N, C-alpha and C. Protein backbone atom coordinates (compact mmCIF):
# COMPACT_ATOMS: atom_id res chain seq x y z
N MET A 1 2.42 -129.00 -106.78
CA MET A 1 2.63 -127.66 -107.04
C MET A 1 1.49 -126.60 -107.51
N ALA A 2 0.58 -127.95 -108.18
CA ALA A 2 -0.73 -127.20 -109.24
C ALA A 2 -1.82 -126.89 -107.92
N ASP A 3 -1.22 -127.48 -106.92
CA ASP A 3 -2.50 -126.98 -105.67
C ASP A 3 -2.42 -125.54 -105.15
N ALA A 4 -0.94 -125.53 -105.15
CA ALA A 4 -0.54 -124.10 -104.74
C ALA A 4 -0.81 -123.18 -105.84
N SER A 5 -0.36 -123.37 -106.62
CA SER A 5 -1.33 -122.46 -108.17
C SER A 5 -2.38 -122.03 -107.99
N ASP A 6 -3.36 -123.41 -107.96
CA ASP A 6 -4.23 -123.23 -107.67
C ASP A 6 -5.19 -122.45 -106.56
N LYS A 7 -4.81 -122.48 -105.52
CA LYS A 7 -4.87 -121.74 -104.11
C LYS A 7 -4.69 -120.44 -104.67
N VAL A 8 -3.42 -120.04 -105.04
CA VAL A 8 -2.95 -118.63 -105.26
C VAL A 8 -3.91 -118.14 -106.19
N ASN A 9 -4.23 -118.71 -107.41
CA ASN A 9 -5.29 -118.27 -108.36
C ASN A 9 -7.12 -117.92 -107.81
N GLU A 10 -7.31 -119.14 -106.96
CA GLU A 10 -8.62 -118.87 -106.23
C GLU A 10 -8.78 -117.80 -105.05
N ALA A 11 -7.28 -117.49 -104.83
CA ALA A 11 -7.50 -115.93 -103.96
C ALA A 11 -7.86 -114.63 -104.71
N VAL A 12 -6.92 -114.78 -105.71
CA VAL A 12 -6.57 -113.77 -106.49
C VAL A 12 -7.97 -113.35 -107.42
N ASN A 13 -8.54 -114.40 -107.96
CA ASN A 13 -9.71 -114.09 -108.18
C ASN A 13 -11.11 -113.60 -107.43
N ALA A 14 -10.74 -113.98 -106.05
CA ALA A 14 -11.52 -113.83 -104.80
C ALA A 14 -11.66 -112.13 -104.64
N ALA A 15 -10.06 -111.80 -104.82
CA ALA A 15 -10.20 -110.31 -104.39
C ALA A 15 -10.33 -109.29 -105.61
N LYS A 16 -10.43 -110.32 -106.51
CA LYS A 16 -10.73 -109.35 -108.05
C LYS A 16 -12.06 -109.37 -108.12
N ASP A 17 -13.02 -110.36 -107.42
CA ASP A 17 -14.40 -110.48 -107.31
C ASP A 17 -14.59 -109.43 -106.18
N LYS A 18 -13.97 -109.15 -105.32
CA LYS A 18 -14.32 -108.01 -104.23
C LYS A 18 -14.27 -106.75 -104.60
N VAL A 19 -12.80 -106.77 -105.07
CA VAL A 19 -12.72 -105.27 -105.56
C VAL A 19 -14.06 -104.81 -106.69
N SER A 20 -14.20 -105.43 -107.73
CA SER A 20 -15.31 -105.19 -108.61
C SER A 20 -16.88 -104.60 -107.53
N GLU A 21 -17.02 -105.96 -106.93
CA GLU A 21 -17.85 -105.53 -105.47
C GLU A 21 -17.82 -104.21 -105.09
N LEU A 22 -16.85 -103.78 -104.60
CA LEU A 22 -16.65 -102.22 -104.06
C LEU A 22 -16.50 -101.53 -105.41
N ALA A 23 -16.12 -101.57 -106.18
CA ALA A 23 -16.02 -100.70 -107.94
C ALA A 23 -17.37 -100.08 -108.03
N ASN A 24 -18.40 -101.34 -107.72
CA ASN A 24 -19.61 -101.42 -108.22
C ASN A 24 -20.88 -100.61 -107.12
N ASN A 25 -20.41 -100.80 -106.06
CA ASN A 25 -21.41 -100.69 -104.96
C ASN A 25 -21.43 -98.94 -104.75
N GLU A 26 -23.36 -98.77 -104.63
CA GLU A 26 -23.43 -97.00 -104.69
C GLU A 26 -22.63 -96.49 -103.63
N LYS A 27 -22.59 -97.09 -102.61
CA LYS A 27 -22.48 -96.55 -101.56
C LYS A 27 -21.02 -95.83 -101.55
N VAL A 28 -20.26 -96.71 -101.97
CA VAL A 28 -18.69 -96.85 -101.57
C VAL A 28 -18.31 -95.35 -103.14
N ASN A 29 -19.46 -95.71 -103.88
CA ASN A 29 -18.83 -94.59 -104.88
C ASN A 29 -19.27 -93.24 -104.66
N GLU A 30 -20.45 -93.17 -103.62
CA GLU A 30 -20.83 -91.81 -103.32
C GLU A 30 -19.57 -91.10 -101.98
N VAL A 31 -19.16 -92.48 -101.44
CA VAL A 31 -17.92 -91.60 -100.34
C VAL A 31 -16.90 -91.63 -101.45
N VAL A 32 -16.61 -91.77 -102.24
CA VAL A 32 -15.84 -91.47 -102.96
C VAL A 32 -15.86 -90.20 -103.96
N ASP A 33 -16.63 -90.02 -104.37
CA ASP A 33 -17.24 -88.72 -105.32
C ASP A 33 -17.43 -87.87 -103.86
N SER A 34 -18.27 -87.78 -102.89
CA SER A 34 -17.69 -86.67 -101.45
C SER A 34 -16.40 -86.53 -101.71
N ALA A 35 -15.33 -87.42 -101.38
CA ALA A 35 -14.29 -87.26 -100.57
C ALA A 35 -13.15 -86.21 -102.64
N LYS A 36 -13.54 -86.53 -103.17
CA LYS A 36 -13.10 -86.10 -104.39
C LYS A 36 -13.50 -84.58 -104.35
N GLU A 37 -14.84 -84.08 -104.10
CA GLU A 37 -15.65 -83.07 -103.62
C GLU A 37 -14.62 -82.25 -102.54
N LYS A 38 -14.12 -82.95 -101.59
CA LYS A 38 -14.02 -81.68 -100.48
C LYS A 38 -12.58 -81.86 -100.81
N LEU A 39 -11.52 -82.65 -101.09
CA LEU A 39 -10.36 -82.61 -101.79
C LEU A 39 -10.56 -81.03 -103.10
N GLY A 40 -11.26 -81.22 -103.92
CA GLY A 40 -11.58 -80.40 -104.64
C GLY A 40 -11.51 -78.87 -103.63
N ASP A 41 -12.54 -79.05 -102.78
CA ASP A 41 -12.79 -77.81 -101.84
C ASP A 41 -11.64 -77.48 -101.76
N LEU A 42 -10.70 -78.04 -100.87
CA LEU A 42 -9.28 -77.71 -100.00
C LEU A 42 -8.96 -77.07 -101.20
N ALA A 43 -8.58 -77.85 -102.53
CA ALA A 43 -7.29 -77.71 -103.64
C ALA A 43 -8.02 -75.74 -104.06
N ASN A 44 -9.42 -75.54 -103.70
CA ASN A 44 -9.55 -74.26 -104.26
C ASN A 44 -9.47 -73.36 -103.14
N ASN A 45 -9.59 -73.40 -101.70
CA ASN A 45 -9.50 -72.72 -100.31
C ASN A 45 -8.32 -71.96 -100.69
N GLU A 46 -8.49 -70.52 -100.51
CA GLU A 46 -8.11 -69.67 -100.38
C GLU A 46 -7.03 -69.90 -99.40
N LYS A 47 -6.96 -70.05 -98.11
CA LYS A 47 -6.38 -69.88 -96.66
C LYS A 47 -5.29 -71.38 -96.61
N VAL A 48 -6.22 -72.45 -97.03
CA VAL A 48 -5.49 -73.53 -97.23
C VAL A 48 -3.84 -73.29 -98.57
N ASN A 49 -4.06 -72.62 -99.26
CA ASN A 49 -3.54 -72.32 -100.79
C ASN A 49 -1.90 -71.81 -99.93
N GLU A 50 -2.78 -70.41 -99.11
CA GLU A 50 -1.78 -69.79 -98.58
C GLU A 50 -0.70 -70.38 -97.35
N VAL A 51 -1.29 -71.33 -96.96
CA VAL A 51 -0.40 -72.29 -95.78
C VAL A 51 0.56 -73.44 -96.73
N VAL A 52 0.38 -73.65 -97.57
CA VAL A 52 0.99 -74.19 -98.77
C VAL A 52 2.00 -73.59 -99.45
N GLU A 53 1.76 -71.94 -99.33
CA GLU A 53 2.86 -71.62 -100.44
C GLU A 53 3.78 -70.93 -98.94
N GLY A 54 3.18 -70.69 -97.97
CA GLY A 54 4.37 -70.28 -97.13
C GLY A 54 5.34 -71.56 -97.04
N ALA A 55 4.42 -72.79 -96.18
CA ALA A 55 5.57 -74.14 -96.08
C ALA A 55 6.27 -74.15 -97.07
N LYS A 56 6.10 -73.80 -98.44
CA LYS A 56 6.79 -74.59 -99.34
C LYS A 56 8.04 -73.30 -99.35
N GLU A 57 8.06 -72.16 -98.80
CA GLU A 57 8.44 -70.85 -98.71
C GLU A 57 9.82 -71.34 -97.45
N LYS A 58 9.49 -71.85 -96.67
CA LYS A 58 10.35 -72.13 -95.41
C LYS A 58 11.37 -73.24 -95.72
N PHE A 59 10.00 -74.17 -96.48
CA PHE A 59 11.34 -75.26 -96.78
C PHE A 59 12.37 -74.90 -97.51
N GLY A 60 12.17 -74.28 -98.76
CA GLY A 60 12.98 -73.51 -99.41
C GLY A 60 13.96 -72.85 -98.56
N GLU A 61 13.75 -71.98 -98.06
CA GLU A 61 14.47 -71.47 -97.37
C GLU A 61 15.58 -72.32 -96.07
N LEU A 62 14.74 -72.80 -95.82
CA LEU A 62 15.44 -73.68 -95.06
C LEU A 62 16.79 -75.22 -95.67
N LYS A 63 15.93 -75.46 -97.20
CA LYS A 63 17.03 -76.28 -97.93
C LYS A 63 18.20 -75.03 -98.42
N ASP A 64 18.20 -74.03 -98.83
CA ASP A 64 19.35 -72.84 -99.01
C ASP A 64 20.04 -72.98 -97.78
N LYS A 65 19.45 -73.06 -96.85
CA LYS A 65 20.65 -72.40 -95.38
C LYS A 65 21.21 -73.82 -95.13
N PHE A 66 20.38 -75.56 -95.06
CA PHE A 66 21.28 -76.07 -95.47
C PHE A 66 22.22 -77.13 -96.58
N LEU A 67 21.78 -76.53 -97.69
CA LEU A 67 22.86 -76.11 -98.58
C LEU A 67 23.38 -75.38 -98.86
N GLY A 68 23.53 -74.36 -98.28
CA GLY A 68 24.50 -72.95 -98.85
C GLY A 68 24.02 -72.37 -100.00
N GLY A 69 22.69 -72.42 -100.13
CA GLY A 69 22.50 -71.44 -101.20
C GLY A 69 22.03 -69.79 -100.66
N ASP A 70 21.60 -69.27 -101.84
CA ASP A 70 20.87 -67.70 -101.33
C ASP A 70 19.98 -68.07 -100.48
N ASN A 71 20.17 -67.36 -99.12
CA ASN A 71 19.25 -66.58 -98.65
C ASN A 71 18.49 -65.72 -98.82
N LYS A 72 16.86 -65.70 -98.53
CA LYS A 72 16.45 -64.34 -99.09
C LYS A 72 16.08 -63.61 -97.44
């Protein structure tokens, strides 16, 4: 049983090392920062917000229709 446990621990430790390497990798951090910036741009984009609000309204209307709530 100790052999299987040792192998699991080795695999976990190797995975931790790889995750650490990725977290400390400058290129990975640049990509993550760029993605965060793009997501921020999308979140602040007026057109995107209009589409999201429109979709929320439509889903609300569908929910009301199927659940028998008030229709606008």
